Amino acid sequence: MFPKDVIPAGSVLLREVTPADLEPMVRACADPQIIRFVPSVRVPYTLADASSYLEVAGRMWDNGGASFAATDAGTGEWLGNISLKPSDPRGNAEVGYLIAPWARGRGVATAATRALTEWAFAHGVARMELLADVENLPSQRVAMAAGFGREGVRRAAEPRRDGTRGDLASFARLATDPGERVRPFLPDLPGGSLTDGVVRLTPLKAGDADDYHALQSLPDVVAHSVPPEAPDPDDSERFCREAGMLWLAGERVELAVRDAATGAFAGHIQLSAIIPPLGEAMTGYSLLPEFRGRGFASRAVGLLTEWALTHTPLARIVAGASPDNIASHRVLERAGFTREALLHGRLPGPGGTRVDDLLWYRARTAGA
């Protein structure tokens, strides 16, 4: 069993949960983000529920775990809860936390997670795990800031309020790890989007799933997809839901192309096949028919490529197009790309055939 210590964490102090914490706990648990991402919190959350949590916290200590209130080190104000679940049969422990909405943006979750993790290592834990909903990007950022590395996705690992099961991003930190902040390879967009006044690029999200699926199911889009197959609706929904997580992981950038004037979904553009050691990524794009012929594609490619070559470690963006896809060639030319090579039989085609791929590139200028 762990000792019931008080753990200093800079401006945050971890201590046992007390009856004085119950009222702010009730207020915090009315927060939509807590309701969404902590399905174990009852809705509505009452003072009786908070009182029951005191009993749950006590049992956690008795069963080999630990439960703390994260408080302001200067005032003692309750800011959230953080716990260490009892180790599983393999000796792995899991950290979980809940931070009040009024305490966010102050580094509370990161400080508390880092302090509790290092305290657990000092008491013999060898591996700490942290799980977060695949759409809960703030929690994933906390994991990385506390030195946890992303290991993958646990599919259908958590029951949701609606009876379905949700996927969880899995992070872990070993006692032997350096514990340094894990910095994302790809930064966020400045101000959350890119625009030239005509088109706006915004991160693809779950709410874009229907529009994205309709776009990717168009016959001419399917014909130039790899492989040339229409997506399943569930796959499209998952693709959009996980886009932010994969961006944070440095694996890909997925963006909705929007009409800047109306906000309407016009298409999709991406950076994929990202190879950090080479500083290279591939872009691909498609538009709904009603937005074609208006320069949206070349504007989108230009915006994304300029951002990638200016604000990320990427030094070279490539694109592939069918040799007979003249419209795509013109898009790339207008976006500053240069034709590089014809790769024979590179891509899978219909009916088990192989088709040629015309490769284009745009590179960061010397000294940039």
Protein backbone atom coordinates (compact mmCIF):
# COMPACT_ATOMS: atom_id res chain seq x y z
CA MET A 1 0.00 0.00 0.00
CA PHE A 2 1.11 3.53 -0.76
CA PRO A 3 1.67 6.05 2.04
CA LYS A 4 -0.86 8.89 2.26
CA ASP A 5 1.71 11.55 1.50
CA VAL A 6 1.30 15.18 0.57
CA ILE A 7 3.01 15.66 -2.80
CA PRO A 8 4.31 19.11 -3.84
CA ALA A 9 4.08 19.91 -7.56
CA GLY A 10 5.17 23.52 -7.94
CA SER A 11 2.09 25.74 -7.78
CA VAL A 12 -0.01 22.59 -7.24
CA LEU A 13 -0.20 20.43 -4.11
CA LEU A 14 -1.56 16.88 -4.02
CA ARG A 15 -3.27 15.80 -0.80
CA GLU A 16 -6.11 13.54 0.30
CA VAL A 17 -9.63 14.48 -0.76
CA THR A 18 -11.62 16.02 2.13
CA PRO A 19 -15.29 16.93 2.75
CA ALA A 20 -14.40 20.57 2.03
CA ASP A 21 -13.73 19.57 -1.61
CA LEU A 22 -17.22 18.23 -2.26
CA GLU A 23 -19.04 21.45 -3.19
CA PRO A 24 -16.50 22.58 -5.85
CA MET A 25 -16.40 18.99 -7.10
CA VAL A 26 -20.15 19.10 -7.73
CA ARG A 27 -19.79 22.39 -9.64
CA ALA A 28 -16.93 21.01 -11.74
CA CYS A 29 -18.79 17.86 -12.71
CA ALA A 30 -21.49 19.90 -14.45
CA ASP A 31 -18.88 20.84 -17.05
CA PRO A 32 -19.71 19.52 -20.57
CA GLN A 33 -16.13 18.33 -21.17
CA ILE A 34 -16.11 16.28 -17.97
CA ILE A 35 -19.52 14.86 -18.81
CA ARG A 36 -18.30 13.97 -22.30
CA PHE A 37 -14.93 12.45 -21.50
CA VAL A 38 -15.44 11.01 -18.00
CA PRO A 39 -18.43 8.68 -18.49
CA SER A 40 -18.14 7.38 -14.91
CA VAL A 41 -19.34 10.78 -13.62
CA ARG A 42 -23.08 10.65 -13.00
CA VAL A 43 -25.39 13.18 -14.65
CA PRO A 44 -26.55 15.21 -12.84
CA TYR A 45 -23.72 14.98 -10.34
CA THR A 46 -24.99 15.71 -6.83
CA LEU A 47 -23.52 16.33 -3.39
CA ALA A 48 -24.48 12.75 -2.53
CA ASP A 49 -22.41 11.52 -5.50
CA ALA A 50 -19.45 13.60 -4.34
CA SER A 51 -19.82 12.19 -0.82
CA SER A 52 -19.79 8.68 -2.27
CA TYR A 53 -16.52 9.55 -4.03
CA LEU A 54 -14.89 9.97 -0.61
CA GLU A 55 -15.72 6.33 0.07
CA VAL A 56 -14.44 5.29 -3.37
CA ALA A 57 -11.20 7.18 -2.72
CA GLY A 58 -10.78 5.43 0.61
CA ARG A 59 -11.28 2.00 -0.94
CA MET A 60 -8.74 2.88 -3.62
CA TRP A 61 -6.07 3.38 -0.95
CA ASP A 62 -7.11 0.14 0.76
CA ASN A 63 -6.84 -1.78 -2.55
CA GLY A 64 -3.32 -0.61 -3.38
CA GLY A 65 -4.04 2.57 -5.31
CA ALA A 66 -3.94 6.25 -4.37
CA SER A 67 -6.36 9.16 -4.65
CA PHE A 68 -5.51 12.83 -4.31
CA ALA A 69 -7.07 16.23 -4.63
CA ALA A 70 -5.05 18.59 -6.82
CA THR A 71 -5.09 21.92 -5.00
CA ASP A 72 -3.62 25.40 -5.29
CA ALA A 73 -0.41 25.28 -3.27
CA GLY A 74 -0.93 28.83 -2.04
CA THR A 75 -4.63 28.95 -1.21
CA GLY A 76 -5.58 25.29 -0.79
CA GLU A 77 -8.38 25.68 -3.36
CA TRP A 78 -9.59 22.41 -4.87
CA LEU A 79 -8.69 22.29 -8.56
CA GLY A 80 -9.37 18.66 -9.42
CA ASN A 81 -8.80 15.02 -8.54
CA ILE A 82 -6.05 12.68 -9.64
CA SER A 83 -5.68 9.01 -8.85
CA LEU A 84 -3.40 6.05 -9.26
CA LYS A 85 -5.36 2.89 -9.94
CA PRO A 86 -4.21 -0.31 -8.24
CA SER A 87 -1.62 -2.12 -10.34
CA ASP A 88 -2.86 -4.77 -12.73
CA PRO A 89 -1.60 -8.39 -12.55
CA ARG A 90 1.39 -7.41 -14.70
CA GLY A 91 2.40 -4.64 -12.33
CA ASN A 92 1.28 -1.72 -14.51
CA ALA A 93 -0.40 1.28 -12.89
CA GLU A 94 -2.73 3.80 -14.52
CA VAL A 95 -3.14 7.49 -13.75
CA GLY A 96 -6.44 9.28 -14.22
CA TYR A 97 -7.52 12.81 -13.46
CA LEU A 98 -10.35 15.31 -13.56
CA ILE A 99 -9.61 19.04 -13.62
CA ALA A 100 -12.16 21.78 -12.84
CA PRO A 101 -12.95 24.03 -15.81
CA TRP A 102 -11.83 27.13 -13.88
CA ALA A 103 -8.40 25.57 -13.31
CA ARG A 104 -7.60 24.72 -16.93
CA GLY A 105 -4.92 26.48 -18.92
CA ARG A 106 -2.68 26.79 -15.84
CA GLY A 107 -0.70 23.56 -16.23
CA VAL A 108 -2.50 21.93 -13.29
CA ALA A 109 -3.10 18.58 -14.98
CA THR A 110 0.47 18.36 -16.28
CA ALA A 111 2.03 19.29 -12.93
CA ALA A 112 -0.20 16.86 -11.03
CA THR A 113 0.35 14.00 -13.50
CA ARG A 114 4.12 14.47 -13.54
CA ALA A 115 4.33 14.69 -9.73
CA LEU A 116 2.13 11.64 -9.13
CA THR A 117 4.02 9.63 -11.76
CA GLU A 118 7.41 10.38 -10.23
CA TRP A 119 6.03 9.65 -6.75
CA ALA A 120 4.75 6.28 -7.99
CA PHE A 121 8.14 5.45 -9.51
CA ALA A 122 9.79 6.32 -6.19
CA HIS A 123 7.49 3.77 -4.54
CA GLY A 124 8.34 0.91 -6.87
CA VAL A 125 5.99 1.26 -9.84
CA ALA A 126 7.84 0.39 -13.06
CA ARG A 127 5.32 1.45 -15.71
CA MET A 128 2.64 4.13 -15.68
CA GLU A 129 -0.16 4.27 -18.22
CA LEU A 130 -2.56 7.04 -19.21
CA LEU A 131 -5.63 6.54 -21.40
CA ALA A 132 -7.59 9.31 -23.13
CA ASP A 133 -10.54 9.36 -25.51
CA VAL A 134 -9.23 9.65 -29.07
CA GLU A 135 -11.01 13.02 -29.38
CA ASN A 136 -9.78 14.33 -26.03
CA LEU A 137 -6.78 16.20 -27.39
CA PRO A 138 -6.18 18.34 -24.25
CA SER A 139 -5.72 15.17 -22.20
CA GLN A 140 -3.37 13.72 -24.80
CA ARG A 141 -1.34 16.92 -24.66
CA VAL A 142 -1.11 16.56 -20.88
CA ALA A 143 0.23 13.03 -21.30
CA MET A 144 2.93 14.21 -23.68
CA ALA A 145 3.83 17.20 -21.51
CA ALA A 146 4.24 14.83 -18.55
CA GLY A 147 6.71 12.68 -20.49
CA PHE A 148 4.35 9.91 -21.63
CA GLY A 149 4.80 8.43 -25.10
CA ARG A 150 1.88 7.42 -27.29
CA GLU A 151 1.73 3.68 -27.91
CA GLY A 152 -1.43 3.25 -29.97
CA VAL A 153 -5.20 2.95 -29.69
CA ARG A 154 -7.22 0.59 -27.53
CA ARG A 155 -10.30 -0.07 -29.63
CA ALA A 156 -13.70 -0.05 -27.91
CA ALA A 157 -11.95 0.08 -24.54
CA GLU A 158 -14.40 2.35 -22.71
CA PRO A 159 -18.18 2.16 -22.32
CA ARG A 160 -19.96 5.37 -23.30
CA ARG A 161 -23.09 6.89 -21.86
CA ASP A 162 -25.10 5.95 -24.96
CA GLY A 163 -24.30 2.25 -24.63
CA THR A 164 -21.60 2.18 -27.31
CA ARG A 165 -17.91 1.70 -26.64
CA GLY A 166 -15.25 4.31 -27.37
CA ASP A 167 -11.62 4.08 -28.48
CA LEU A 168 -8.85 5.26 -26.18
CA ALA A 169 -5.43 6.64 -27.07
CA SER A 170 -2.85 4.80 -24.99
CA PHE A 171 0.19 6.52 -23.46
CA ALA A 172 2.86 5.13 -21.15
CA ARG A 173 5.97 6.16 -19.27
CA LEU A 174 8.56 3.84 -17.77
CA ALA A 175 10.57 4.50 -14.64
CA THR A 176 13.66 4.34 -16.86
CA ASP A 177 12.36 6.94 -19.35
CA PRO A 178 13.91 10.42 -19.21
CA GLY A 179 10.50 11.96 -18.55
CA GLU A 180 11.12 14.95 -20.79
CA ARG A 181 8.18 16.68 -22.42
CA VAL A 182 7.26 14.95 -25.69
CA ARG A 183 6.97 17.76 -28.21
CA PRO A 184 4.64 17.30 -31.21
CA PHE A 185 6.40 16.99 -34.56
CA LEU A 186 3.63 19.02 -36.20
CA PRO A 187 2.44 22.31 -34.67
CA ASP A 188 -1.15 23.53 -34.58
CA LEU A 189 -2.35 25.93 -37.25
CA PRO A 190 -1.87 29.58 -36.26
CA GLY A 191 -5.22 30.74 -34.94
CA GLY A 192 -6.70 27.31 -35.64
CA SER A 193 -7.03 27.64 -39.44
CA LEU A 194 -5.38 28.75 -42.66
CA THR A 195 -7.10 31.15 -45.05
CA ASP A 196 -6.45 33.45 -47.97
CA GLY A 197 -9.89 35.03 -47.78
CA VAL A 198 -11.35 32.71 -50.41
CA VAL A 199 -10.78 29.28 -48.88
CA ARG A 200 -10.29 28.31 -45.26
CA LEU A 201 -8.60 25.13 -44.07
CA THR A 202 -9.73 23.79 -40.70
CA PRO A 203 -8.79 20.56 -38.87
CA LEU A 204 -11.03 17.67 -39.87
CA LYS A 205 -13.32 16.64 -37.00
CA ALA A 206 -16.05 14.13 -36.24
CA GLY A 207 -18.70 16.65 -37.30
CA ASP A 208 -17.30 16.56 -40.85
CA ALA A 209 -17.84 12.81 -41.23
CA ASP A 210 -20.99 12.94 -43.38
CA ASP A 211 -19.55 15.54 -45.77
CA TYR A 212 -16.21 13.73 -45.93
CA HIS A 213 -17.89 10.39 -46.66
CA ALA A 214 -20.04 11.88 -49.43
CA LEU A 215 -16.93 13.40 -51.02
CA GLN A 216 -14.86 10.23 -50.83
CA SER A 217 -17.72 8.18 -52.30
CA LEU A 218 -17.92 10.21 -55.54
CA PRO A 219 -16.99 7.97 -58.50
CA ASP A 220 -14.26 10.28 -59.81
CA VAL A 221 -12.75 10.62 -56.32
CA VAL A 222 -12.83 6.86 -55.81
CA ALA A 223 -11.10 6.37 -59.17
CA HIS A 224 -8.09 8.37 -57.96
CA SER A 225 -8.04 6.97 -54.42
CA VAL A 226 -5.47 4.48 -53.17
CA PRO A 227 -6.80 1.83 -53.35
CA PRO A 228 -9.61 2.84 -55.75
CA GLU A 229 -12.42 1.78 -53.39
CA ALA A 230 -15.28 3.70 -51.79
CA PRO A 231 -14.97 3.95 -48.00
CA ASP A 232 -17.32 2.36 -45.49
CA PRO A 233 -19.39 4.94 -43.53
CA ASP A 234 -17.98 3.67 -40.24
CA ASP A 235 -14.46 4.02 -41.57
CA SER A 236 -15.16 7.61 -42.63
CA GLU A 237 -16.54 8.41 -39.18
CA ARG A 238 -13.52 6.88 -37.48
CA PHE A 239 -11.15 8.66 -39.87
CA CYS A 240 -12.60 12.07 -38.95
CA ARG A 241 -12.83 11.27 -35.24
CA GLU A 242 -9.17 10.22 -35.04
CA ALA A 243 -7.77 12.98 -37.27
CA GLY A 244 -6.79 15.28 -34.39
CA MET A 245 -5.10 12.47 -32.48
CA LEU A 246 -3.01 11.47 -35.51
CA TRP A 247 -2.04 15.10 -36.12
CA LEU A 248 -0.86 15.37 -32.51
CA ALA A 249 1.05 12.10 -32.97
CA GLY A 250 2.81 13.55 -36.04
CA GLU A 251 1.39 10.92 -38.37
CA ARG A 252 -0.78 13.00 -40.68
CA VAL A 253 -2.59 16.31 -41.19
CA GLU A 254 -6.24 16.11 -42.23
CA LEU A 255 -8.08 19.31 -43.13
CA ALA A 256 -11.50 20.33 -44.36
CA VAL A 257 -11.44 22.80 -47.25
CA ARG A 258 -14.16 25.40 -46.66
CA ASP A 259 -15.62 28.34 -48.51
CA ALA A 260 -14.22 31.21 -46.47
CA ALA A 261 -17.33 33.32 -47.09
CA THR A 262 -19.94 30.76 -45.99
CA GLY A 263 -18.01 28.14 -44.02
CA ALA A 264 -19.48 25.42 -46.23
CA PHE A 265 -17.55 22.16 -46.55
CA ALA A 266 -15.95 22.22 -50.00
CA GLY A 267 -13.41 19.41 -49.88
CA HIS A 268 -10.55 17.69 -48.13
CA ILE A 269 -6.77 18.05 -48.17
CA GLN A 270 -4.10 16.19 -46.26
CA LEU A 271 -0.46 15.61 -45.50
CA SER A 272 0.22 11.90 -45.19
CA ALA A 273 3.15 9.49 -45.58
CA ILE A 274 5.11 11.77 -43.23
CA ILE A 275 8.74 10.67 -42.85
CA PRO A 276 10.40 12.78 -40.12
CA PRO A 277 14.00 11.68 -40.83
CA LEU A 278 13.58 12.77 -44.46
CA GLY A 279 11.50 15.84 -43.68
CA GLU A 280 9.04 14.73 -46.35
CA ALA A 281 5.27 14.37 -46.60
CA MET A 282 2.72 13.77 -49.35
CA THR A 283 -0.33 15.90 -50.05
CA GLY A 284 -3.60 14.78 -51.57
CA TYR A 285 -6.85 16.67 -52.14
CA SER A 286 -10.37 16.46 -53.53
CA LEU A 287 -13.31 18.83 -53.93
CA LEU A 288 -17.06 18.53 -54.16
CA PRO A 289 -18.26 19.14 -57.75
CA GLU A 290 -20.00 22.42 -56.91
CA PHE A 291 -16.71 23.96 -55.75
CA ARG A 292 -14.57 22.87 -58.69
CA GLY A 293 -13.35 25.29 -61.35
CA ARG A 294 -13.09 28.16 -58.85
CA GLY A 295 -9.42 27.79 -57.90
CA PHE A 296 -10.22 26.27 -54.49
CA ALA A 297 -7.90 23.28 -54.95
CA SER A 298 -4.80 25.24 -55.93
CA ARG A 299 -5.45 27.76 -53.15
CA ALA A 300 -5.79 24.95 -50.61
CA VAL A 301 -2.64 23.18 -51.79
CA GLY A 302 -0.73 26.46 -51.74
CA LEU A 303 -1.89 27.36 -48.21
CA LEU A 304 -1.09 23.94 -46.77
CA THR A 305 2.26 23.61 -48.51
CA GLU A 306 3.39 27.10 -47.51
CA TRP A 307 2.47 26.39 -43.87
CA ALA A 308 4.23 23.02 -43.91
CA LEU A 309 7.45 24.36 -45.42
CA THR A 310 7.49 27.44 -43.19
CA HIS A 311 6.18 26.28 -39.80
CA THR A 312 7.07 22.58 -39.55
CA PRO A 313 10.30 20.56 -39.85
CA LEU A 314 9.15 19.34 -43.27
CA ALA A 315 11.42 20.41 -46.13
CA ARG A 316 9.78 18.66 -49.07
CA ILE A 317 6.14 18.06 -50.03
CA VAL A 318 5.34 15.60 -52.79
CA ALA A 319 2.13 14.82 -54.65
CA GLY A 320 1.13 12.09 -57.04
CA ALA A 321 -1.33 12.34 -59.92
CA SER A 322 -2.47 10.07 -62.71
CA PRO A 323 -0.63 10.98 -65.95
CA ASP A 324 -3.99 11.74 -67.60
CA ASN A 325 -5.37 13.81 -64.68
CA ILE A 326 -4.68 17.16 -66.35
CA ALA A 327 -6.86 19.10 -63.90
CA SER A 328 -4.73 17.92 -60.97
CA HIS A 329 -1.53 18.77 -62.86
CA ARG A 330 -2.76 22.33 -63.27
CA VAL A 331 -3.62 22.56 -59.57
CA LEU A 332 -0.10 21.54 -58.61
CA GLU A 333 1.54 23.87 -61.13
CA ARG A 334 -0.45 26.83 -59.80
CA ALA A 335 0.55 25.86 -56.25
CA GLY A 336 4.25 26.02 -57.17
CA PHE A 337 4.98 22.31 -57.62
CA THR A 338 7.44 20.93 -60.16
CA ARG A 339 7.01 17.71 -62.15
CA GLU A 340 9.65 15.25 -60.98
CA ALA A 341 9.24 11.68 -62.24
CA LEU A 342 6.88 9.15 -63.78
CA LEU A 343 6.71 6.03 -61.59
CA HIS A 344 5.54 3.10 -63.69
CA GLY A 345 2.98 0.72 -62.16
CA ARG A 346 3.30 2.33 -58.75
CA LEU A 347 -0.36 2.34 -57.68
CA PRO A 348 -3.08 -0.29 -57.41
CA GLY A 349 -5.72 0.12 -60.10
CA PRO A 350 -9.16 -1.43 -60.70
CA GLY A 351 -9.45 -5.18 -61.13
CA GLY A 352 -5.97 -5.95 -59.81
CA THR A 353 -4.20 -3.77 -62.35
CA ARG A 354 -1.32 -1.39 -61.68
CA VAL A 355 -1.29 2.23 -62.83
CA ASP A 356 1.41 4.84 -63.33
CA ASP A 357 1.91 7.76 -60.94
CA LEU A 358 3.26 11.14 -61.98
CA LEU A 359 5.24 12.55 -59.05
CA TRP A 360 5.41 16.28 -58.27
CA TYR A 361 7.31 18.13 -55.55
CA ARG A 362 7.79 21.45 -53.85
CA ALA A 363 10.78 22.00 -51.55
CA ARG A 364 11.82 24.57 -49.01
CA THR A 365 14.10 27.13 -50.55
CA ALA A 366 17.75 27.16 -49.46
CA GLY A 367 18.29 29.08 -46.23
CA ALA A 368 14.56 29.19 -45.40
